[in-house]
Amino acid sequence: MHRLILATFLVLAPLAVSAQDMTAYNQALATFNAGKLDLAAPLFFDLAANAMDADMRARSEYYLAQTYARKNLPISALVTYAAIVNAGPEHPFYLQALEGLVDVQQKLNEQNLVPNILDKAYTPQVQDKWVRLPREVLARIHYLVATIRQRRGRFEEARALLEAVPPDSRVYARARYLLGVVLADPHFPGRPGEADALDGAALSAFKGALDAKAPQIAHDEVKQLSLLGMGRLHYGRHEYPQAVSAYEALPRYARFWDQALFENGFARFQNEDFGGALGSLQALHAPQFEGAFQPESWVLKATVYYYSCLFDEVKTTLAAYEQLYDPMAKQLEPFSGEDVDLLSAYNLVAAENRRLPRPIYLWIRGNERIQDVMRMIEQVDAEKRVVNDIRDWEGTGMVPELVSSLEEVRGTLTQIGGRFAKSRLQEAAQNLRTFADQAEIIRVQTALDEKDLLLAGVDQKAILKTQSIYRPKMPGAAWNYWKFQGEFWRDEIGYYQYTLKRGCPAKLQEK
């Protein structure tokens, strides 16, 4: 990836350079090349700030960033590379600093600071210069900038950037997945008139992510996300059997398997496979997912029973929902208002949980973006300790300036994390209100339907007694049937299939 350049061949012409600066620069170069990084860093820092020659200052600034990188202080290197990039293409080490930023991003898997720096720098005025970057570096830049454009709804720009990532790049699978997300977005220009063409292109992009040739960064997770993307695309097109196939292709116990189980329940329900929908939800409600925040899954379960006129089961399911989620809604109220400041919101999520409902706490902390912020803040704090503990840096002007820069980065990250945490807290509270309302609608409609049956003289119990429960159809000869008896076995979770009676009288069978 990024090449750490030895400095022995970078010789400055002595014109307009003081003898003192030249001596200091040569000493810094020799120290750097000898691997004595603790000694080299203060020398480069002083030259970058005070050398009379602009070229020497620029070189020293770049080698200071290189020194931090080699010293395994990636956030410190990021800050210094960013200063060079922000100075613009006139800086003689502008392209090298871009390469350094991409290298730091890869090392940290950082998703906020570097992508935003690159997005700000990626203007039409510099793009002709960036093509001189190494092919892989430019591919990663295109992908990282596209993540920001996609978040901001600039979909056509994101599409162009993602399509520029070549198949031999290690971020090709990520770019294909994100391209599928961009093209499938309902706000992409051209919808709904061009929906079929855009959906076809999105599906092709997801398949490209699945089939990308190794090595790919985090390819297993990208494959899971691509299968989810395909499932959602088919679901949105009312192609429910294809959606089910995509969701069920996710590996069991993979990172996003619980999400696939949940969405598969909806796809199976829409495909009128009520037993399959309940089977997916049965797996999702296993003890292994006890800490999951899935209120909508209980509403779906009640809906499945309602459409089968199994009213006792509807009421039992809604009671279970209330028992689980009504206390959560009350506990969440103080933390989901507009008056919660960003620092408090971040600390609620980042600290050991003592006040939030545990499923909501885990739901927010499990998100990739909040995890990214927490990891970066931990890295900032670790670097501050290292910077303050290096004996050769004591008493230099470098330490307070670097610590101040790290504190600024920490503040920025905390604001990012706080905004995201606050948004997720409000989303959780809104979800609980929405699904509580839906549960109440189902409850009222169930009571009305029961009353109608009673007034019509329908004996629902008699209807149910005339029906038998049969084993579900076996998928193949290698499968065995085991009746569920209240115990969840690890090798059975994910393979559940209900068979249901129908409590609806004939005139209601079309419900």
Protein backbone atom coordinates (compact mmCIF):
# COMPACT_ATOMS: atom_id res chain seq x y z
CA MET A 1 0.00 0.00 0.00
CA HIS A 2 1.67 3.30 1.07
CA ARG A 3 5.45 3.30 0.81
CA LEU A 4 7.52 4.67 3.69
CA ILE A 5 10.22 6.58 1.86
CA LEU A 6 13.82 6.57 3.03
CA ALA A 7 15.12 10.11 2.94
CA THR A 8 18.77 9.62 2.05
CA PHE A 9 18.26 10.46 -1.63
CA LEU A 10 16.24 13.65 -0.97
CA VAL A 11 19.01 16.23 -0.92
CA LEU A 12 18.17 19.91 -0.65
CA ALA A 13 20.11 22.45 -2.67
CA PRO A 14 21.90 24.73 -0.22
CA LEU A 15 20.66 27.88 -1.99
CA ALA A 16 18.72 30.15 0.39
CA VAL A 17 19.03 27.55 3.16
CA SER A 18 20.84 28.47 6.32
CA ALA A 19 23.73 26.29 7.38
CA GLN A 20 22.02 25.71 10.73
CA ASP A 21 18.81 24.49 9.07
CA MET A 22 20.76 22.29 6.66
CA THR A 23 22.69 20.72 9.51
CA ALA A 24 19.49 20.08 11.46
CA TYR A 25 17.78 18.66 8.39
CA ASN A 26 20.61 16.29 7.57
CA GLN A 27 20.69 15.17 11.19
CA ALA A 28 16.94 14.54 11.10
CA LEU A 29 17.28 12.55 7.86
CA ALA A 30 20.07 10.39 9.21
CA THR A 31 18.19 9.77 12.46
CA PHE A 32 15.00 8.90 10.60
CA ASN A 33 16.75 6.47 8.26
CA ALA A 34 18.50 4.84 11.21
CA GLY A 35 15.11 4.11 12.76
CA LYS A 36 15.69 6.43 15.73
CA LEU A 37 12.20 7.82 15.50
CA ASP A 38 12.01 9.30 19.00
CA LEU A 39 14.95 11.54 18.14
CA ALA A 40 13.88 12.31 14.56
CA ALA A 41 10.36 13.53 15.35
CA PRO A 42 11.30 16.68 17.37
CA LEU A 43 13.89 17.62 14.76
CA PHE A 44 11.37 17.41 11.90
CA PHE A 45 8.76 19.21 14.01
CA ASP A 46 11.09 22.13 14.70
CA LEU A 47 12.13 22.39 11.04
CA ALA A 48 8.51 22.19 9.85
CA ALA A 49 7.66 25.14 12.09
CA ASN A 50 10.78 27.29 11.88
CA ALA A 51 12.97 26.51 8.85
CA MET A 52 13.54 29.57 6.65
CA ASP A 53 13.22 27.64 3.38
CA ALA A 54 9.64 26.74 2.37
CA ASP A 55 10.71 23.52 0.64
CA MET A 56 12.56 22.38 3.73
CA ARG A 57 9.50 23.12 5.88
CA ALA A 58 7.32 21.11 3.51
CA ARG A 59 9.72 18.15 3.44
CA SER A 60 10.05 18.21 7.21
CA GLU A 61 6.28 18.27 7.67
CA TYR A 62 5.88 15.23 5.45
CA TYR A 63 8.67 13.31 7.19
CA LEU A 64 7.17 14.20 10.54
CA ALA A 65 3.96 12.47 9.40
CA GLN A 66 6.06 9.53 8.18
CA THR A 67 7.79 9.37 11.55
CA TYR A 68 4.48 9.22 13.40
CA ALA A 69 3.31 6.47 11.04
CA ARG A 70 6.43 4.40 11.59
CA LYS A 71 6.16 5.07 15.33
CA ASN A 72 2.67 3.46 15.20
CA LEU A 73 0.88 6.71 16.03
CA PRO A 74 -1.64 6.63 13.19
CA ILE A 75 -3.95 9.38 14.49
CA SER A 76 -0.96 11.71 14.89
CA ALA A 77 0.09 10.80 11.35
CA LEU A 78 -3.48 11.41 10.14
CA VAL A 79 -3.50 14.93 11.61
CA THR A 80 -0.20 15.79 9.94
CA TYR A 81 -1.08 14.28 6.56
CA ALA A 82 -4.42 16.11 6.71
CA ALA A 83 -2.68 19.44 7.25
CA ILE A 84 -0.66 18.85 4.06
CA VAL A 85 -3.74 17.83 2.06
CA ASN A 86 -5.68 20.82 3.34
CA ALA A 87 -2.82 23.07 2.21
CA GLY A 88 -3.67 22.06 -1.36
CA PRO A 89 -1.84 20.71 -4.40
CA GLU A 90 0.80 23.45 -4.17
CA HIS A 91 2.38 21.53 -1.31
CA PRO A 92 5.23 19.48 -2.84
CA PHE A 93 4.17 16.38 -0.87
CA TYR A 94 0.46 16.70 -1.56
CA LEU A 95 0.06 13.40 -3.41
CA GLN A 96 2.27 11.53 -0.94
CA ALA A 97 0.13 12.87 1.91
CA LEU A 98 -3.02 11.62 0.17
CA GLU A 99 -1.40 8.22 -0.06
CA GLY A 100 -0.49 8.43 3.61
CA LEU A 101 -4.08 9.26 4.57
CA VAL A 102 -5.37 6.24 2.68
CA ASP A 103 -2.76 4.09 4.38
CA VAL A 104 -3.83 5.35 7.82
CA GLN A 105 -7.48 4.76 6.98
CA GLN A 106 -6.72 1.18 6.01
CA LYS A 107 -4.71 0.58 9.16
CA LEU A 108 -7.45 1.91 11.41
CA ASN A 109 -10.47 0.95 9.27
CA GLU A 110 -11.61 4.50 10.03
CA GLN A 111 -14.94 5.56 8.50
CA ASN A 112 -15.46 9.21 9.44
CA LEU A 113 -12.41 11.47 9.56
CA VAL A 114 -10.41 10.34 6.53
CA PRO A 115 -13.40 9.91 4.18
CA ASN A 116 -14.57 13.44 5.03
CA ILE A 117 -11.08 14.91 4.51
CA LEU A 118 -10.82 13.19 1.13
CA ASP A 119 -14.35 14.25 0.16
CA LYS A 120 -13.54 17.89 0.91
CA ALA A 121 -10.30 17.68 -1.08
CA TYR A 122 -11.80 15.83 -4.06
CA THR A 123 -12.68 18.79 -6.27
CA PRO A 124 -12.71 19.07 -10.08
CA GLN A 125 -9.61 21.27 -9.86
CA VAL A 126 -7.42 18.49 -8.43
CA GLN A 127 -8.86 15.34 -10.01
CA ASP A 128 -6.44 15.46 -12.95
CA LYS A 129 -3.58 15.40 -10.44
CA TRP A 130 -4.99 12.53 -8.42
CA VAL A 131 -4.84 10.18 -11.41
CA ARG A 132 -1.08 10.03 -10.82
CA LEU A 133 -1.65 8.24 -7.54
CA PRO A 134 -1.03 4.47 -7.41
CA ARG A 135 -3.96 2.55 -8.86
CA GLU A 136 -5.01 0.93 -5.57
CA VAL A 137 -4.75 4.20 -3.66
CA LEU A 138 -6.99 5.96 -6.16
CA ALA A 139 -9.50 3.08 -6.04
CA ARG A 140 -9.75 3.38 -2.28
CA ILE A 141 -10.15 7.13 -2.50
CA HIS A 142 -13.00 6.70 -4.97
CA TYR A 143 -14.69 4.26 -2.60
CA LEU A 144 -14.17 6.38 0.53
CA VAL A 145 -15.41 9.58 -1.10
CA ALA A 146 -18.41 7.67 -2.45
CA THR A 147 -19.39 6.65 1.10
CA ILE A 148 -19.72 10.33 2.00
CA ARG A 149 -21.58 11.25 -1.19
CA GLN A 150 -24.00 8.37 -0.60
CA ARG A 151 -24.67 9.46 3.01
CA ARG A 152 -25.44 12.97 1.74
CA GLY A 153 -27.81 11.77 -0.96
CA ARG A 154 -25.55 12.72 -3.87
CA PHE A 155 -26.29 9.43 -5.57
CA GLU A 156 -25.16 10.09 -9.12
CA GLU A 157 -21.76 11.29 -7.91
CA ALA A 158 -21.47 8.24 -5.68
CA ARG A 159 -22.38 5.99 -8.61
CA ALA A 160 -19.64 7.46 -10.82
CA LEU A 161 -17.03 7.07 -8.09
CA LEU A 162 -18.00 3.48 -7.30
CA GLU A 163 -18.02 2.46 -10.95
CA ALA A 164 -14.45 3.77 -11.21
CA VAL A 165 -13.19 1.16 -8.70
CA PRO A 166 -11.49 -1.58 -10.79
CA PRO A 167 -12.08 -5.33 -10.23
CA ASP A 168 -8.48 -5.90 -9.12
CA SER A 169 -8.86 -3.51 -6.16
CA ARG A 170 -9.18 -4.92 -2.66
CA VAL A 171 -12.18 -2.63 -2.09
CA TYR A 172 -13.95 -3.77 -5.25
CA ALA A 173 -16.45 -5.94 -3.33
CA ARG A 174 -17.23 -3.07 -0.97
CA ALA A 175 -17.68 -0.71 -3.91
CA ARG A 176 -20.01 -3.14 -5.69
CA TYR A 177 -22.12 -3.58 -2.57
CA LEU A 178 -22.41 0.17 -2.00
CA LEU A 179 -23.20 0.67 -5.68
CA GLY A 180 -26.11 -1.74 -5.31
CA VAL A 181 -27.36 0.23 -2.29
CA VAL A 182 -27.07 3.51 -4.21
CA LEU A 183 -28.89 2.26 -7.29
CA ALA A 184 -31.66 0.63 -5.25
CA ASP A 185 -32.28 3.75 -3.18
CA PRO A 186 -35.83 5.04 -3.83
CA HIS A 187 -34.42 8.58 -4.12
CA PHE A 188 -31.99 7.75 -6.90
CA PRO A 189 -32.69 10.07 -9.86
CA GLY A 190 -34.83 8.46 -12.53
CA ARG A 191 -37.12 6.49 -10.26
CA PRO A 192 -39.81 5.31 -10.64
CA GLY A 193 -39.70 5.51 -14.44
CA GLU A 194 -36.36 3.70 -14.69
CA ALA A 195 -36.97 1.38 -11.76
CA ASP A 196 -36.55 -1.88 -13.68
CA ALA A 197 -33.24 -0.85 -15.22
CA LEU A 198 -31.90 0.52 -11.94
CA ASP A 199 -32.99 -2.56 -10.00
CA GLY A 200 -31.32 -4.79 -12.57
CA ALA A 201 -28.10 -2.80 -12.28
CA ALA A 202 -28.31 -2.93 -8.46
CA LEU A 203 -28.80 -6.68 -8.51
CA SER A 204 -25.80 -7.03 -10.82
CA ALA A 205 -23.74 -4.91 -8.43
CA PHE A 206 -24.68 -7.08 -5.43
CA LYS A 207 -23.75 -10.21 -7.40
CA GLY A 208 -20.45 -8.56 -8.32
CA ALA A 209 -19.72 -8.08 -4.63
CA LEU A 210 -20.46 -11.75 -3.96
CA ASP A 211 -18.27 -12.96 -6.83
CA ALA A 212 -15.34 -10.57 -6.36
CA LYS A 213 -11.98 -12.28 -6.55
CA ALA A 214 -9.76 -12.44 -3.47
CA PRO A 215 -8.14 -10.76 -1.74
CA GLN A 216 -10.94 -8.45 -0.65
CA ILE A 217 -11.22 -6.45 2.55
CA ALA A 218 -13.80 -7.96 4.95
CA HIS A 219 -15.25 -10.02 2.11
CA ASP A 220 -17.31 -12.31 4.36
CA GLU A 221 -19.21 -9.38 5.84
CA VAL A 222 -19.59 -7.75 2.43
CA LYS A 223 -21.12 -10.98 1.11
CA GLN A 224 -23.63 -11.03 3.96
CA LEU A 225 -24.57 -7.39 3.34
CA SER A 226 -24.92 -8.07 -0.37
CA LEU A 227 -27.31 -10.95 0.29
CA LEU A 228 -29.35 -8.67 2.53
CA GLY A 229 -29.30 -6.06 -0.23
CA MET A 230 -30.55 -8.60 -2.75
CA GLY A 231 -33.27 -9.75 -0.37
CA ARG A 232 -34.45 -6.17 0.17
CA LEU A 233 -34.40 -5.44 -3.54
CA HIS A 234 -36.53 -8.49 -4.35
CA TYR A 235 -38.85 -7.75 -1.43
CA GLY A 236 -39.40 -4.20 -2.66
CA ARG A 237 -40.29 -5.61 -6.08
CA HIS A 238 -42.75 -8.07 -4.50
CA GLU A 239 -40.55 -10.95 -5.65
CA TYR A 240 -40.94 -12.78 -2.37
CA PRO A 241 -39.58 -16.25 -3.25
CA GLN A 242 -36.35 -14.65 -4.53
CA ALA A 243 -36.17 -12.54 -1.38
CA VAL A 244 -36.51 -15.66 0.79
CA SER A 245 -33.71 -17.37 -1.15
CA ALA A 246 -31.39 -14.41 -0.60
CA TYR A 247 -32.10 -14.13 3.12
CA GLU A 248 -31.71 -17.86 3.68
CA ALA A 249 -28.34 -17.85 1.91
CA LEU A 250 -26.77 -15.97 4.83
CA PRO A 251 -24.64 -18.32 6.95
CA ARG A 252 -26.17 -19.32 10.25
CA TYR A 253 -24.74 -17.39 13.23
CA ALA A 254 -23.00 -14.94 10.92
CA ARG A 255 -22.89 -11.31 12.03
CA PHE A 256 -26.05 -10.26 10.16
CA TRP A 257 -27.95 -13.54 10.48
CA ASP A 258 -30.45 -12.16 13.01
CA GLN A 259 -31.33 -9.35 10.60
CA ALA A 260 -31.80 -11.89 7.82
CA LEU A 261 -34.10 -13.98 10.03
CA PHE A 262 -36.22 -10.93 10.78
CA GLU A 263 -36.53 -9.78 7.18
CA ASN A 264 -37.08 -13.33 6.00
CA GLY A 265 -40.10 -13.49 8.30
CA PHE A 266 -41.65 -10.60 6.38
CA ALA A 267 -40.79 -12.11 3.00
CA ARG A 268 -42.31 -15.46 3.93
CA PHE A 269 -45.41 -13.78 5.32
CA GLN A 270 -45.91 -11.80 2.11
CA ASN A 271 -45.40 -15.04 0.19
CA GLU A 272 -48.29 -16.48 2.23
CA ASP A 273 -45.97 -18.95 3.93
CA PHE A 274 -47.27 -18.23 7.40
CA GLY A 275 -45.61 -21.29 8.92
CA GLY A 276 -42.27 -20.29 7.45
CA ALA A 277 -42.66 -16.74 8.75
CA LEU A 278 -43.30 -18.03 12.26
CA GLY A 279 -40.34 -20.37 11.89
CA SER A 280 -37.99 -17.46 11.17
CA LEU A 281 -39.38 -15.55 14.15
CA GLN A 282 -39.11 -18.63 16.38
CA ALA A 283 -35.39 -18.69 15.65
CA LEU A 284 -35.10 -14.93 16.23
CA HIS A 285 -36.76 -15.29 19.63
CA ALA A 286 -34.39 -18.04 20.75
CA PRO A 287 -32.28 -17.44 23.89
CA GLN A 288 -29.23 -16.80 21.69
CA PHE A 289 -30.87 -13.53 20.59
CA GLU A 290 -32.23 -12.62 24.01
CA GLY A 291 -30.51 -9.23 23.96
CA ALA A 292 -31.77 -8.30 20.47
CA PHE A 293 -33.89 -5.21 19.93
CA GLN A 294 -36.57 -6.45 17.53
CA PRO A 295 -39.95 -5.04 18.58
CA GLU A 296 -41.38 -5.29 15.08
CA SER A 297 -40.82 -9.04 15.05
CA TRP A 298 -43.49 -9.48 17.72
CA VAL A 299 -45.92 -7.31 15.81
CA LEU A 300 -45.29 -9.44 12.73
CA LYS A 301 -45.85 -12.61 14.75
CA ALA A 302 -49.19 -11.26 15.99
CA THR A 303 -50.10 -10.28 12.42
CA VAL A 304 -49.43 -13.81 11.15
CA TYR A 305 -51.72 -15.23 13.82
CA TYR A 306 -54.34 -12.59 13.08
CA TYR A 307 -54.46 -13.49 9.39
CA SER A 308 -54.99 -17.11 10.45
CA CYS A 309 -57.80 -16.06 12.84
CA LEU A 310 -55.90 -17.60 15.74
CA PHE A 311 -57.05 -14.94 18.14
CA ASP A 312 -55.83 -16.52 21.39
CA GLU A 313 -52.33 -16.68 19.93
CA VAL A 314 -52.62 -13.04 18.83
CA LYS A 315 -53.40 -11.98 22.40
CA THR A 316 -50.60 -14.13 23.84
CA THR A 317 -48.09 -12.62 21.42
CA LEU A 318 -49.17 -9.05 22.12
CA ALA A 319 -48.94 -9.72 25.85
CA ALA A 320 -45.36 -10.93 25.35
CA TYR A 321 -44.62 -7.76 23.37
CA GLU A 322 -45.97 -5.57 26.16
CA GLN A 323 -44.02 -7.43 28.80
CA LEU A 324 -40.78 -6.99 26.87
CA TYR A 325 -41.06 -3.53 25.38
CA ASP A 326 -43.44 -1.39 27.47
CA PRO A 327 -40.88 -1.15 30.31
CA MET A 328 -38.18 -0.31 27.75
CA ALA A 329 -40.22 2.55 26.35
CA LYS A 330 -40.66 4.06 29.82
CA GLN A 331 -36.99 3.57 30.70
CA LEU A 332 -35.91 5.21 27.44
CA GLU A 333 -38.05 8.35 27.77
CA PRO A 334 -35.49 10.53 29.66
CA PHE A 335 -32.79 9.84 27.07
CA SER A 336 -34.60 10.30 23.76
CA GLY A 337 -35.67 13.95 23.83
CA GLU A 338 -34.23 16.88 21.90
CA ASP A 339 -32.79 18.35 25.11
CA VAL A 340 -30.23 15.53 25.46
CA ASP A 341 -26.82 17.01 24.58
CA LEU A 342 -24.44 15.16 22.27
CA LEU A 343 -21.79 14.41 24.91
CA SER A 344 -24.37 12.87 27.23
CA ALA A 345 -25.81 10.82 24.38
CA TYR A 346 -22.38 9.50 23.44
CA ASN A 347 -21.45 8.68 27.05
CA LEU A 348 -24.72 6.79 27.50
CA VAL A 349 -23.67 4.44 24.72
CA ALA A 350 -19.89 4.39 25.15
CA ALA A 351 -19.77 3.84 28.91
CA GLU A 352 -20.67 0.68 30.77
CA ASN A 353 -24.45 0.45 30.60
CA ARG A 354 -26.29 1.35 33.78
CA ARG A 355 -29.31 3.35 32.58
CA LEU A 356 -30.40 2.25 29.10
CA PRO A 357 -32.47 -0.87 28.39
CA ARG A 358 -29.88 -3.52 27.58
CA PRO A 359 -31.29 -4.51 24.16
CA ILE A 360 -31.31 -0.88 23.03
CA TYR A 361 -27.82 -0.34 24.43
CA LEU A 362 -26.54 -3.37 22.51
CA TRP A 363 -28.44 -2.35 19.37
CA ILE A 364 -26.71 1.04 19.28
CA ARG A 365 -23.27 -0.21 20.31
CA GLY A 366 -23.43 -2.98 17.74
CA ASN A 367 -23.66 -0.52 14.87
CA GLU A 368 -20.49 -0.28 12.78
CA ARG A 369 -20.36 3.52 12.80
CA ILE A 370 -20.59 3.91 16.58
CA GLN A 371 -18.04 1.13 17.00
CA ASP A 372 -15.75 3.04 14.65
CA VAL A 373 -16.02 6.19 16.77
CA MET A 374 -15.34 4.29 20.00
CA ARG A 375 -12.31 2.55 18.52
CA MET A 376 -10.88 5.84 17.27
CA ILE A 377 -11.38 7.56 20.63
CA GLU A 378 -9.57 4.68 22.32
CA GLN A 379 -6.75 5.09 19.81
CA VAL A 380 -6.57 8.85 20.47
CA ASP A 381 -6.34 8.26 24.22
CA ALA A 382 -3.66 5.61 23.73
CA GLU A 383 -1.59 7.94 21.55
CA LYS A 384 -1.86 10.76 24.08
CA ARG A 385 -0.39 8.45 26.72
CA VAL A 386 2.45 7.44 24.41
CA VAL A 387 3.22 11.04 23.43
CA ASN A 388 3.39 12.14 27.06
CA ASP A 389 5.58 9.19 28.07
CA ILE A 390 8.37 9.45 25.47
CA ARG A 391 11.38 10.78 27.34
CA ASP A 392 13.11 12.24 24.27
CA TRP A 393 10.04 14.40 23.60
CA GLU A 394 9.88 15.96 27.08
CA GLY A 395 10.20 19.71 27.08
CA THR A 396 9.74 20.05 23.32
CA GLY A 397 7.09 22.21 21.72
CA MET A 398 5.92 19.15 19.82
CA VAL A 399 4.20 17.50 22.78
CA PRO A 400 1.69 20.23 23.71
CA GLU A 401 0.85 20.89 20.06
CA LEU A 402 0.37 17.21 19.29
CA VAL A 403 -1.68 16.61 22.44
CA SER A 404 -3.82 19.63 21.54
CA SER A 405 -4.38 18.22 18.04
CA LEU A 406 -5.31 14.84 19.48
CA GLU A 407 -7.76 16.50 21.87
CA GLU A 408 -9.33 18.31 18.93
CA VAL A 409 -9.72 15.01 17.08
CA ARG A 410 -11.24 13.48 20.19
CA GLY A 411 -13.74 16.32 20.43
CA THR A 412 -14.70 15.90 16.77
CA LEU A 413 -15.15 12.16 17.20
CA THR A 414 -17.25 12.67 20.32
CA GLN A 415 -19.54 15.05 18.43
CA ILE A 416 -19.88 12.51 15.59
CA GLY A 417 -20.58 9.71 18.04
CA GLY A 418 -22.97 11.89 20.02
CA ARG A 419 -25.01 12.81 16.96
CA PHE A 420 -25.23 9.18 15.92
CA ALA A 421 -26.08 7.95 19.44
CA LYS A 422 -28.77 10.63 19.87
CA SER A 423 -30.27 9.78 16.50
CA ARG A 424 -30.38 6.08 17.36
CA LEU A 425 -31.90 6.75 20.79
CA GLN A 426 -34.65 8.80 19.15
CA GLU A 427 -35.13 6.13 16.49
CA ALA A 428 -35.52 3.44 19.16
CA ALA A 429 -38.08 5.54 21.04
CA GLN A 430 -40.01 6.27 17.84
CA ASN A 431 -39.96 2.58 16.89
CA LEU A 432 -41.40 1.62 20.26
CA ARG A 433 -44.18 4.19 19.89
CA THR A 434 -44.95 3.09 16.34
CA PHE A 435 -45.08 -0.61 17.11
CA ALA A 436 -47.04 -0.08 20.31
CA ASP A 437 -49.62 1.73 18.18
CA GLN A 438 -49.63 -1.11 15.66
CA ALA A 439 -50.01 -3.65 18.44
CA GLU A 440 -53.00 -1.72 19.76
CA ILE A 441 -54.59 -1.67 16.29
CA ILE A 442 -54.18 -5.45 16.02
CA ARG A 443 -55.62 -5.87 19.51
CA VAL A 444 -58.70 -3.77 18.74
CA GLN A 445 -59.26 -5.43 15.37
CA THR A 446 -58.94 -8.85 16.97
CA ALA A 447 -61.59 -7.96 19.54
CA LEU A 448 -63.90 -6.67 16.79
CA ASP A 449 -63.45 -9.85 14.73
CA GLU A 450 -64.12 -12.04 17.75
CA LYS A 451 -67.31 -10.07 18.38
CA ASP A 452 -68.39 -10.46 14.74
CA LEU A 453 -67.87 -14.22 14.89
CA LEU A 454 -69.82 -14.42 18.12
CA LEU A 455 -72.72 -12.39 16.72
CA ALA A 456 -72.71 -14.53 13.56
CA GLY A 457 -72.97 -17.66 15.69
CA VAL A 458 -69.66 -19.05 14.43
CA ASP A 459 -68.15 -21.71 16.66
CA GLN A 460 -64.46 -21.12 16.05
CA LYS A 461 -63.38 -23.97 18.29
CA ALA A 462 -65.45 -26.34 16.17
CA ILE A 463 -63.75 -25.04 13.04
CA LEU A 464 -60.32 -25.68 14.55
CA LYS A 465 -61.30 -29.18 15.72
CA THR A 466 -62.06 -30.24 12.16
CA GLN A 467 -58.48 -29.50 11.10
CA SER A 468 -55.35 -31.55 11.62
CA ILE A 469 -51.75 -30.47 12.06
CA TYR A 470 -49.34 -32.19 9.68
CA ARG A 471 -45.61 -32.33 9.59
CA PRO A 472 -44.09 -29.68 7.32
CA LYS A 473 -42.77 -30.80 3.98
CA MET A 474 -39.17 -32.00 4.17
CA PRO A 475 -36.72 -30.11 1.90
CA GLY A 476 -34.87 -33.30 0.99
CA ALA A 477 -33.99 -36.88 1.88
CA ALA A 478 -31.16 -35.79 4.19
CA TRP A 479 -33.54 -33.87 6.46
CA ASN A 480 -35.14 -35.18 9.65
CA TYR A 481 -38.21 -33.95 11.49
CA TRP A 482 -38.05 -33.14 15.21
CA LYS A 483 -41.03 -31.71 17.04
CA PHE A 484 -40.21 -28.55 18.99
CA GLN A 485 -40.79 -29.21 22.69
CA GLY A 486 -39.68 -25.93 24.26
CA GLU A 487 -35.92 -26.43 24.01
CA PHE A 488 -33.71 -24.54 21.57
CA TRP A 489 -30.91 -26.68 20.17
CA ARG A 490 -28.13 -24.83 18.41
CA ASP A 491 -28.14 -27.08 15.35
CA GLU A 492 -31.93 -26.62 14.93
CA ILE A 493 -32.16 -22.83 15.22
CA GLY A 494 -32.89 -21.33 11.84
CA TYR A 495 -34.63 -24.43 10.48
CA TYR A 496 -37.98 -24.07 12.23
CA GLN A 497 -41.19 -24.40 10.23
CA TYR A 498 -44.65 -24.06 11.74
CA THR A 499 -47.82 -25.71 10.49
CA LEU A 500 -50.95 -23.78 11.34
CA LYS A 501 -54.64 -24.32 11.60
CA ARG A 502 -56.97 -21.63 10.28
CA GLY A 503 -59.66 -20.33 12.59
CA CYS A 504 -61.41 -18.29 9.92
CA PRO A 505 -64.89 -19.31 8.69
CA ALA A 506 -65.20 -19.87 4.97
CA LYS A 507 -66.38 -16.32 4.18
CA LEU A 508 -63.24 -14.92 5.84
CA GLN A 509 -60.72 -17.21 4.18
CA GLU A 510 -59.73 -14.47 1.74
CA LYS A 511 -58.48 -12.21 4.54
